[in-house]
Amino acid sequence: MTVAILTDFGASDNYNGVMEAVIKKFNRHVDITYISPNAKNFNVIAGSYLLYTSYRYFRKNTIFLTVIDPGVGTSRKAIIIRTNNYHFVGPDNGVLYPASIEDGIISAVEISNRKIYLAKEISNTFHGRDIFSITAALISLKVPLDTFGNQLKKEQIQKLDLGSYRNNEKICTKVLYVDHFGNVSLGIKNVKVKQGQMAEIETGGKRFVVLTAKTFQDSEKDLLLYRNGYGFLELGLNKADASVVLNVKEGDEICVEQSILEDFSPFI
């Protein structure tokens, strides 16, 4: 059994190590790996993109432990989502939704049974240790999901507002992720882009001309629009930071000329 961890805890503190220790304390045979221990702080949209673009590459029955949780200690739920091939554990803030809905949600449970928590008095700021890690460990030991709490309906799971829409001849969508190169992934997937065309995009009240491309080498200076490695529409620059030029971050809106897209579908 594998537990795959995704957090924004970073590499310099001990939070990830303590979570691993809790899991291993209850199941020393489980394999632990990371999608990332250093996702962007408090950024649920970016975290959802990392989880969505990663989960399908893991073997069946992997447990995805995701702790990007700016609402820790509040009334937001802690949940387990069982899908056709995996389990997803984390806060009910939308970070789990895109990956779980694509794989096919079978059931969902609120982690509300305090008897399974790590201690009688849990921290209001470290549910990753006191609730989520022990939950992942117990799932790896095949503890039935109804042990953890009450069933939730699919409609009760928190979603993210990442929908795309048409605006005249343009498709307007959200920035899902900016990687450390400054490449800007957009909320349009399964995309096919007409090659070698100049087009216009708009964001923040400004317009930019972009070149549709296959590789970063297609231009030394133009903003490039292309299909990224996960099938999403993406903006980039050759050896430079497109997000700085565009002045965008996750959640910002970008509108793209629809005529340069041969095919696409919205993210969720």
C-alpha atoms as a PDB file:
ATOM      1  CA  MET A   1       0.000   0.000   0.000  1.00  0.00           C
ATOM      2  CA  THR A   2       1.224   3.492  -0.864  1.00  0.00           C
ATOM      3  CA  VAL A   3       0.476   6.841   0.782  1.00  0.00           C
ATOM      4  CA  ALA A   4       1.268   9.777  -1.523  1.00  0.00           C
ATOM      5  CA  ILE A   5       1.639  13.072   0.339  1.00  0.00           C
ATOM      6  CA  LEU A   6       0.982  16.569  -0.986  1.00  0.00           C
ATOM      7  CA  THR A   7       1.452  19.492   1.419  1.00  0.00           C
ATOM      8  CA  ASP A   8       2.495  23.123   1.534  1.00  0.00           C
ATOM      9  CA  PHE A   9       4.568  22.509   4.682  1.00  0.00           C
ATOM     10  CA  GLY A  10       7.930  22.961   2.975  1.00  0.00           C
ATOM     11  CA  ALA A  11      11.239  21.195   3.456  1.00  0.00           C
ATOM     12  CA  SER A  12      12.778  23.259   6.264  1.00  0.00           C
ATOM     13  CA  ASP A  13      10.305  22.435   9.056  1.00  0.00           C
ATOM     14  CA  ASN A  14       9.427  19.108  10.667  1.00  0.00           C
ATOM     15  CA  TYR A  15       5.735  18.916   9.737  1.00  0.00           C
ATOM     16  CA  ASN A  16       6.099  16.454   6.871  1.00  0.00           C
ATOM     17  CA  GLY A  17       8.493  14.284   8.861  1.00  0.00           C
ATOM     18  CA  VAL A  18       6.090  14.089  11.782  1.00  0.00           C
ATOM     19  CA  MET A  19       3.243  13.105   9.460  1.00  0.00           C
ATOM     20  CA  GLU A  20       5.393  10.310   8.036  1.00  0.00           C
ATOM     21  CA  ALA A  21       6.246   9.185  11.570  1.00  0.00           C
ATOM     22  CA  VAL A  22       2.559   8.941  12.510  1.00  0.00           C
ATOM     23  CA  ILE A  23       1.768   6.859   9.436  1.00  0.00           C
ATOM     24  CA  LYS A  24       4.712   4.523  10.013  1.00  0.00           C
ATOM     25  CA  LYS A  25       3.865   4.210  13.715  1.00  0.00           C
ATOM     26  CA  PHE A  26       0.559   2.589  12.810  1.00  0.00           C
ATOM     27  CA  ASN A  27       1.640   0.749   9.651  1.00  0.00           C
ATOM     28  CA  ARG A  28       5.383   0.236   9.285  1.00  0.00           C
ATOM     29  CA  HIS A  29       4.880  -1.666   6.045  1.00  0.00           C
ATOM     30  CA  VAL A  30       3.268   1.174   4.106  1.00  0.00           C
ATOM     31  CA  ASP A  31       5.224   2.927   1.354  1.00  0.00           C
ATOM     32  CA  ILE A  32       5.346   6.718   1.568  1.00  0.00           C
ATOM     33  CA  THR A  33       6.096   8.966  -1.387  1.00  0.00           C
ATOM     34  CA  TYR A  34       5.495  12.609  -2.220  1.00  0.00           C
ATOM     35  CA  ILE A  35       3.722  14.460  -4.972  1.00  0.00           C
ATOM     36  CA  SER A  36       5.296  17.507  -3.334  1.00  0.00           C
ATOM     37  CA  PRO A  37       6.202  18.510   0.245  1.00  0.00           C
ATOM     38  CA  ASN A  38       6.522  22.103  -0.902  1.00  0.00           C
ATOM     39  CA  ALA A  39       3.332  23.145  -2.708  1.00  0.00           C
ATOM     40  CA  LYS A  40       2.463  26.824  -2.748  1.00  0.00           C
ATOM     41  CA  ASN A  41       1.423  28.157   0.639  1.00  0.00           C
ATOM     42  CA  PHE A  42      -2.355  28.267   1.227  1.00  0.00           C
ATOM     43  CA  ASN A  43      -2.984  27.867  -2.519  1.00  0.00           C
ATOM     44  CA  VAL A  44      -5.898  25.459  -2.939  1.00  0.00           C
ATOM     45  CA  ILE A  45      -6.163  26.009  -6.706  1.00  0.00           C
ATOM     46  CA  ALA A  46      -2.483  25.222  -7.289  1.00  0.00           C
ATOM     47  CA  GLY A  47      -2.729  22.198  -4.988  1.00  0.00           C
ATOM     48  CA  SER A  48      -5.748  20.856  -6.830  1.00  0.00           C
ATOM     49  CA  TYR A  49      -3.820  21.111 -10.114  1.00  0.00           C
ATOM     50  CA  LEU A  50      -0.821  19.246  -8.692  1.00  0.00           C
ATOM     51  CA  LEU A  51      -3.043  16.470  -7.356  1.00  0.00           C
ATOM     52  CA  TYR A  52      -5.130  16.259 -10.535  1.00  0.00           C
ATOM     53  CA  THR A  53      -2.120  16.057 -12.847  1.00  0.00           C
ATOM     54  CA  SER A  54      -0.370  13.464 -10.659  1.00  0.00           C
ATOM     55  CA  TYR A  55      -2.846  10.946  -9.277  1.00  0.00           C
ATOM     56  CA  ARG A  56      -3.333   8.761 -12.362  1.00  0.00           C
ATOM     57  CA  TYR A  57       0.364   7.869 -12.482  1.00  0.00           C
ATOM     58  CA  PHE A  58       0.193   6.095  -9.125  1.00  0.00           C
ATOM     59  CA  ARG A  59      -0.675   2.445  -8.728  1.00  0.00           C
ATOM     60  CA  LYS A  60      -4.191   1.414  -7.868  1.00  0.00           C
ATOM     61  CA  ASN A  61      -5.292   1.753  -4.219  1.00  0.00           C
ATOM     62  CA  THR A  62      -2.845   4.560  -3.458  1.00  0.00           C
ATOM     63  CA  ILE A  63      -4.024   6.817  -0.625  1.00  0.00           C
ATOM     64  CA  PHE A  64      -3.551  10.497  -1.431  1.00  0.00           C
ATOM     65  CA  LEU A  65      -2.924  12.508   1.727  1.00  0.00           C
ATOM     66  CA  THR A  66      -3.310  16.178   0.805  1.00  0.00           C
ATOM     67  CA  VAL A  67      -2.848  18.900   3.417  1.00  0.00           C
ATOM     68  CA  ILE A  68      -3.172  22.338   1.862  1.00  0.00           C
ATOM     69  CA  ASP A  69      -5.459  23.704   4.484  1.00  0.00           C
ATOM     70  CA  PRO A  70      -5.698  27.456   5.118  1.00  0.00           C
ATOM     71  CA  GLY A  71      -8.954  26.801   6.997  1.00  0.00           C
ATOM     72  CA  VAL A  72      -7.407  24.379   9.494  1.00  0.00           C
ATOM     73  CA  GLY A  73      -9.204  24.446  12.852  1.00  0.00           C
ATOM     74  CA  THR A  74     -12.337  26.101  11.460  1.00  0.00           C
ATOM     75  CA  SER A  75     -15.712  24.546  10.631  1.00  0.00           C
ATOM     76  CA  ARG A  76     -14.442  23.135   7.299  1.00  0.00           C
ATOM     77  CA  LYS A  77     -14.809  19.355   7.208  1.00  0.00           C
ATOM     78  CA  ALA A  78     -12.057  16.752   7.175  1.00  0.00           C
ATOM     79  CA  ILE A  79     -12.995  14.099   4.618  1.00  0.00           C
ATOM     80  CA  ILE A  80     -12.180  10.831   2.899  1.00  0.00           C
ATOM     81  CA  ILE A  81     -13.247  10.328  -0.703  1.00  0.00           C
ATOM     82  CA  ARG A  82     -13.231   6.823  -2.116  1.00  0.00           C
ATOM     83  CA  THR A  83     -13.045   6.672  -5.910  1.00  0.00           C
ATOM     84  CA  ASN A  84     -12.914   3.869  -8.443  1.00  0.00           C
ATOM     85  CA  ASN A  85      -9.185   3.355  -7.942  1.00  0.00           C
ATOM     86  CA  TYR A  86      -7.983   5.420  -4.977  1.00  0.00           C
ATOM     87  CA  HIS A  87      -8.651   7.080  -1.639  1.00  0.00           C
ATOM     88  CA  PHE A  88      -8.265  10.836  -1.130  1.00  0.00           C
ATOM     89  CA  VAL A  89      -7.809  12.237   2.394  1.00  0.00           C
ATOM     90  CA  GLY A  90      -7.713  15.914   3.289  1.00  0.00           C
ATOM     91  CA  PRO A  91      -9.658  19.082   4.029  1.00  0.00           C
ATOM     92  CA  ASP A  92     -12.981  19.686   2.321  1.00  0.00           C
ATOM     93  CA  ASN A  93     -11.920  22.936   0.673  1.00  0.00           C
ATOM     94  CA  GLY A  94     -12.001  21.851  -2.974  1.00  0.00           C
ATOM     95  CA  VAL A  95      -8.419  20.628  -3.236  1.00  0.00           C
ATOM     96  CA  LEU A  96      -9.518  16.978  -3.561  1.00  0.00           C
ATOM     97  CA  TYR A  97     -12.464  17.540  -5.875  1.00  0.00           C
ATOM     98  CA  PRO A  98     -11.035  17.692  -9.442  1.00  0.00           C
ATOM     99  CA  ALA A  99      -8.979  14.504  -9.104  1.00  0.00           C
ATOM    100  CA  SER A 100     -11.645  12.554  -7.242  1.00  0.00           C
ATOM    101  CA  ILE A 101     -14.509  13.497  -9.543  1.00  0.00           C
ATOM    102  CA  GLU A 102     -12.494  12.486 -12.603  1.00  0.00           C
ATOM    103  CA  ASP A 103     -11.607   9.077 -11.169  1.00  0.00           C
ATOM    104  CA  GLY A 104     -15.249   8.574 -10.178  1.00  0.00           C
ATOM    105  CA  ILE A 105     -16.509   9.148  -6.640  1.00  0.00           C
ATOM    106  CA  ILE A 106     -17.941   6.023  -5.018  1.00  0.00           C
ATOM    107  CA  SER A 107     -18.430   7.391  -1.502  1.00  0.00           C
ATOM    108  CA  ALA A 108     -17.333  10.150   0.854  1.00  0.00           C
ATOM    109  CA  VAL A 109     -17.070  10.273   4.636  1.00  0.00           C
ATOM    110  CA  GLU A 110     -16.542  13.089   7.108  1.00  0.00           C
ATOM    111  CA  ILE A 111     -13.720  12.278   9.526  1.00  0.00           C
ATOM    112  CA  SER A 112     -15.726  13.133  12.627  1.00  0.00           C
ATOM    113  CA  ASN A 113     -15.157  10.135  14.924  1.00  0.00           C
ATOM    114  CA  ARG A 114     -12.871  11.601  17.565  1.00  0.00           C
ATOM    115  CA  LYS A 115     -11.926   8.106  18.750  1.00  0.00           C
ATOM    116  CA  ILE A 116      -9.654   7.712  15.735  1.00  0.00           C
ATOM    117  CA  TYR A 117      -7.878  11.045  16.271  1.00  0.00           C
ATOM    118  CA  LEU A 118      -4.270  10.889  17.399  1.00  0.00           C
ATOM    119  CA  ALA A 119      -5.026  12.392  20.821  1.00  0.00           C
ATOM    120  CA  LYS A 120      -7.984  13.459  22.939  1.00  0.00           C
ATOM    121  CA  GLU A 121      -6.842  17.074  22.640  1.00  0.00           C
ATOM    122  CA  ILE A 122      -5.914  17.781  19.038  1.00  0.00           C
ATOM    123  CA  SER A 123      -4.106  20.817  17.720  1.00  0.00           C
ATOM    124  CA  ASN A 124      -6.200  23.462  15.978  1.00  0.00           C
ATOM    125  CA  THR A 125      -3.298  24.175  13.619  1.00  0.00           C
ATOM    126  CA  PHE A 126      -1.904  20.703  12.807  1.00  0.00           C
ATOM    127  CA  HIS A 127      -4.702  18.470  11.573  1.00  0.00           C
ATOM    128  CA  GLY A 128      -2.159  16.955   9.176  1.00  0.00           C
ATOM    129  CA  ARG A 129      -0.696  15.101  12.139  1.00  0.00           C
ATOM    130  CA  ASP A 130      -3.680  14.645  14.432  1.00  0.00           C
ATOM    131  CA  ILE A 131      -6.414  13.750  11.925  1.00  0.00           C
ATOM    132  CA  PHE A 132      -5.236  13.219   8.357  1.00  0.00           C
ATOM    133  CA  SER A 133      -2.073  11.146   8.865  1.00  0.00           C
ATOM    134  CA  ILE A 134      -3.647   8.667  11.241  1.00  0.00           C
ATOM    135  CA  THR A 135      -6.643   8.426   8.896  1.00  0.00           C
ATOM    136  CA  ALA A 136      -4.362   7.538   5.979  1.00  0.00           C
ATOM    137  CA  ALA A 137      -2.586   4.953   8.124  1.00  0.00           C
ATOM    138  CA  LEU A 138      -5.841   3.322   9.212  1.00  0.00           C
ATOM    139  CA  ILE A 139      -7.143   3.200   5.630  1.00  0.00           C
ATOM    140  CA  SER A 140      -3.902   1.454   4.653  1.00  0.00           C
ATOM    141  CA  LEU A 141      -4.741  -1.124   7.330  1.00  0.00           C
ATOM    142  CA  LYS A 142      -8.162  -1.612   5.695  1.00  0.00           C
ATOM    143  CA  VAL A 143     -10.199  -0.077   8.502  1.00  0.00           C
ATOM    144  CA  PRO A 144     -13.769   0.313   7.113  1.00  0.00           C
ATOM    145  CA  LEU A 145     -14.628   3.857   6.077  1.00  0.00           C
ATOM    146  CA  ASP A 146     -17.809   3.947   8.161  1.00  0.00           C
ATOM    147  CA  THR A 147     -15.506   3.833  11.214  1.00  0.00           C
ATOM    148  CA  PHE A 148     -14.386   7.394  10.549  1.00  0.00           C
ATOM    149  CA  GLY A 149     -17.740   9.171  10.538  1.00  0.00           C
ATOM    150  CA  ASN A 150     -20.923   9.882   8.652  1.00  0.00           C
ATOM    151  CA  GLN A 151     -21.427   9.453   4.930  1.00  0.00           C
ATOM    152  CA  LEU A 152     -21.505  12.549   2.744  1.00  0.00           C
ATOM    153  CA  LYS A 153     -23.389  12.952  -0.495  1.00  0.00           C
ATOM    154  CA  LYS A 154     -21.361  13.803  -3.571  1.00  0.00           C
ATOM    155  CA  GLU A 155     -23.165  17.128  -3.736  1.00  0.00           C
ATOM    156  CA  GLN A 156     -21.887  18.008  -0.252  1.00  0.00           C
ATOM    157  CA  ILE A 157     -18.218  17.882  -1.259  1.00  0.00           C
ATOM    158  CA  GLN A 158     -16.704  21.327  -1.678  1.00  0.00           C
ATOM    159  CA  LYS A 159     -16.008  22.267  -5.298  1.00  0.00           C
ATOM    160  CA  LEU A 160     -13.749  24.884  -6.852  1.00  0.00           C
ATOM    161  CA  ASP A 161     -15.066  27.698  -9.018  1.00  0.00           C
ATOM    162  CA  LEU A 162     -12.787  27.171 -12.013  1.00  0.00           C
ATOM    163  CA  GLY A 163     -15.273  27.115 -14.840  1.00  0.00           C
ATOM    164  CA  SER A 164     -14.466  28.535 -18.284  1.00  0.00           C
ATOM    165  CA  TYR A 165     -16.918  30.526 -20.384  1.00  0.00           C
ATOM    166  CA  ARG A 166     -17.225  32.054 -23.839  1.00  0.00           C
ATOM    167  CA  ASN A 167     -17.007  35.815 -24.285  1.00  0.00           C
ATOM    168  CA  ASN A 168     -17.728  36.676 -27.910  1.00  0.00           C
ATOM    169  CA  GLU A 169     -14.891  35.019 -29.870  1.00  0.00           C
ATOM    170  CA  LYS A 170     -12.792  34.272 -26.801  1.00  0.00           C
ATOM    171  CA  ILE A 171     -12.635  31.566 -24.154  1.00  0.00           C
ATOM    172  CA  CYS A 172     -12.111  32.996 -20.695  1.00  0.00           C
ATOM    173  CA  THR A 173     -10.606  30.712 -18.077  1.00  0.00           C
ATOM    174  CA  LYS A 174      -8.635  30.724 -14.815  1.00  0.00           C
ATOM    175  CA  VAL A 175      -4.936  30.369 -14.176  1.00  0.00           C
ATOM    176  CA  LEU A 176      -4.556  26.993 -12.445  1.00  0.00           C
ATOM    177  CA  TYR A 177      -0.845  26.906 -11.821  1.00  0.00           C
ATOM    178  CA  VAL A 178       2.369  28.863 -12.272  1.00  0.00           C
ATOM    179  CA  ASP A 179       5.411  26.600 -12.093  1.00  0.00           C
ATOM    180  CA  HIS A 180       8.877  27.649 -10.939  1.00  0.00           C
ATOM    181  CA  PHE A 181       9.873  28.455 -14.529  1.00  0.00           C
ATOM    182  CA  GLY A 182       6.996  30.937 -14.730  1.00  0.00           C
ATOM    183  CA  ASN A 183       4.917  28.855 -17.149  1.00  0.00           C
ATOM    184  CA  VAL A 184       1.206  29.602 -16.742  1.00  0.00           C
ATOM    185  CA  SER A 185      -1.213  26.646 -16.936  1.00  0.00           C
ATOM    186  CA  LEU A 186      -4.819  27.498 -17.791  1.00  0.00           C
ATOM    187  CA  GLY A 187      -8.127  25.800 -17.027  1.00  0.00           C
ATOM    188  CA  ILE A 188      -8.525  24.307 -20.494  1.00  0.00           C
ATOM    189  CA  LYS A 189      -7.533  20.653 -20.969  1.00  0.00           C
ATOM    190  CA  ASN A 190      -7.435  18.005 -23.698  1.00  0.00           C
ATOM    191  CA  VAL A 191      -6.426  20.893 -25.898  1.00  0.00           C
ATOM    192  CA  LYS A 192      -5.242  20.916 -29.502  1.00  0.00           C
ATOM    193  CA  VAL A 193      -3.658  24.168 -30.666  1.00  0.00           C
ATOM    194  CA  LYS A 194      -3.329  25.360 -34.263  1.00  0.00           C
ATOM    195  CA  GLN A 195       0.390  25.794 -34.810  1.00  0.00           C
ATOM    196  CA  GLY A 196       2.410  28.793 -35.929  1.00  0.00           C
ATOM    197  CA  GLN A 197      -0.294  31.432 -35.553  1.00  0.00           C
ATOM    198  CA  MET A 198      -0.221  34.811 -33.861  1.00  0.00           C
ATOM    199  CA  ALA A 199      -3.143  35.409 -31.542  1.00  0.00           C
ATOM    200  CA  GLU A 200      -4.331  37.754 -28.846  1.00  0.00           C
ATOM    201  CA  ILE A 201      -4.963  37.075 -25.185  1.00  0.00           C
ATOM    202  CA  GLU A 202      -6.327  39.398 -22.526  1.00  0.00           C
ATOM    203  CA  THR A 203      -5.792  39.520 -18.780  1.00  0.00           C
ATOM    204  CA  GLY A 204      -6.040  42.243 -16.158  1.00  0.00           C
ATOM    205  CA  GLY A 205      -7.355  44.700 -18.717  1.00  0.00           C
ATOM    206  CA  LYS A 206      -4.225  44.293 -20.883  1.00  0.00           C
ATOM    207  CA  ARG A 207      -3.805  42.573 -24.240  1.00  0.00           C
ATOM    208  CA  PHE A 208      -0.833  40.475 -25.314  1.00  0.00           C
ATOM    209  CA  VAL A 209       0.139  38.916 -28.628  1.00  0.00           C
ATOM    210  CA  VAL A 210       1.203  35.261 -28.429  1.00  0.00           C
ATOM    211  CA  LEU A 211       2.581  32.691 -30.849  1.00  0.00           C
ATOM    212  CA  THR A 212       1.045  29.208 -30.892  1.00  0.00           C
ATOM    213  CA  ALA A 213       3.890  26.733 -30.572  1.00  0.00           C
ATOM    214  CA  LYS A 214       5.021  23.162 -29.971  1.00  0.00           C
ATOM    215  CA  THR A 215       8.292  23.820 -28.135  1.00  0.00           C
ATOM    216  CA  PHE A 216       9.993  26.625 -26.234  1.00  0.00           C
ATOM    217  CA  GLN A 217      12.498  26.864 -29.095  1.00  0.00           C
ATOM    218  CA  ASP A 218       9.831  28.070 -31.523  1.00  0.00           C
ATOM    219  CA  SER A 219      10.643  31.660 -30.578  1.00  0.00           C
ATOM    220  CA  GLU A 220      13.353  33.443 -28.616  1.00  0.00           C
ATOM    221  CA  LYS A 221      11.185  36.396 -27.594  1.00  0.00           C
ATOM    222  CA  ASP A 222       7.459  35.817 -28.194  1.00  0.00           C
ATOM    223  CA  LEU A 223       4.995  34.747 -25.551  1.00  0.00           C
ATOM    224  CA  LEU A 224       4.162  31.142 -26.452  1.00  0.00           C
ATOM    225  CA  LEU A 225       0.831  29.340 -26.241  1.00  0.00           C
ATOM    226  CA  TYR A 226       0.974  25.541 -26.336  1.00  0.00           C
ATOM    227  CA  ARG A 227      -0.274  22.220 -24.932  1.00  0.00           C
ATOM    228  CA  ASN A 228       1.713  21.352 -21.821  1.00  0.00           C
ATOM    229  CA  GLY A 229       2.857  17.944 -20.633  1.00  0.00           C
ATOM    230  CA  TYR A 230      -0.462  17.271 -18.899  1.00  0.00           C
ATOM    231  CA  GLY A 231      -2.660  18.299 -21.828  1.00  0.00           C
ATOM    232  CA  PHE A 232      -3.523  21.775 -20.500  1.00  0.00           C
ATOM    233  CA  LEU A 233      -3.294  25.032 -22.398  1.00  0.00           C
ATOM    234  CA  GLU A 234      -0.233  26.893 -21.164  1.00  0.00           C
ATOM    235  CA  LEU A 235       1.597  30.181 -21.689  1.00  0.00           C
ATOM    236  CA  GLY A 236       5.361  30.360 -21.495  1.00  0.00           C
ATOM    237  CA  LEU A 237       8.529  32.092 -22.626  1.00  0.00           C
ATOM    238  CA  ASN A 238      11.810  30.676 -23.869  1.00  0.00           C
ATOM    239  CA  LYS A 239      14.159  30.796 -20.848  1.00  0.00           C
ATOM    240  CA  ALA A 240      12.083  33.489 -19.144  1.00  0.00           C
ATOM    241  CA  ASP A 241       9.147  33.950 -16.766  1.00  0.00           C
ATOM    242  CA  ALA A 242       5.817  34.404 -18.549  1.00  0.00           C
ATOM    243  CA  SER A 243       3.924  34.971 -15.290  1.00  0.00           C
ATOM    244  CA  VAL A 244       5.963  38.131 -14.608  1.00  0.00           C
ATOM    245  CA  VAL A 245       5.307  39.503 -18.101  1.00  0.00           C
ATOM    246  CA  LEU A 246       1.585  38.750 -17.781  1.00  0.00           C
ATOM    247  CA  ASN A 247       1.441  39.722 -14.093  1.00  0.00           C
ATOM    248  CA  VAL A 248      -0.783  36.757 -13.203  1.00  0.00           C
ATOM    249  CA  LYS A 249      -1.186  34.224 -10.434  1.00  0.00           C
ATOM    250  CA  GLU A 250      -3.470  31.278  -9.712  1.00  0.00           C
ATOM    251  CA  GLY A 251      -7.135  32.238  -9.883  1.00  0.00           C
ATOM    252  CA  ASP A 252      -6.633  35.171 -12.260  1.00  0.00           C
ATOM    253  CA  GLU A 253      -8.629  35.197 -15.499  1.00  0.00           C
ATOM    254  CA  ILE A 254      -7.147  34.985 -18.985  1.00  0.00           C
ATOM    255  CA  CYS A 255      -9.155  35.151 -22.209  1.00  0.00           C
ATOM    256  CA  VAL A 256      -7.848  33.404 -25.338  1.00  0.00           C
ATOM    257  CA  GLU A 257      -8.999  33.590 -28.961  1.00  0.00           C
ATOM    258  CA  GLN A 258     -11.101  30.484 -29.583  1.00  0.00           C
ATOM    259  CA  SER A 259     -10.125  30.355 -33.279  1.00  0.00           C
ATOM    260  CA  ILE A 260      -6.622  29.062 -32.459  1.00  0.00           C
ATOM    261  CA  LEU A 261      -7.974  26.037 -30.578  1.00  0.00           C
ATOM    262  CA  GLU A 262      -8.909  22.991 -32.619  1.00  0.00           C
ATOM    263  CA  ASP A 263     -10.337  21.135 -29.648  1.00  0.00           C
ATOM    264  CA  PHE A 264     -10.526  21.528 -25.869  1.00  0.00           C
ATOM    265  CA  SER A 265     -12.601  20.898 -22.765  1.00  0.00           C
ATOM    266  CA  PRO A 266     -12.937  22.897 -19.546  1.00  0.00           C
ATOM    267  CA  PHE A 267     -11.037  21.740 -16.456  1.00  0.00           C
ATOM    268  CA  ILE A 268     -14.069  21.014 -14.251  1.00  0.00           C
END
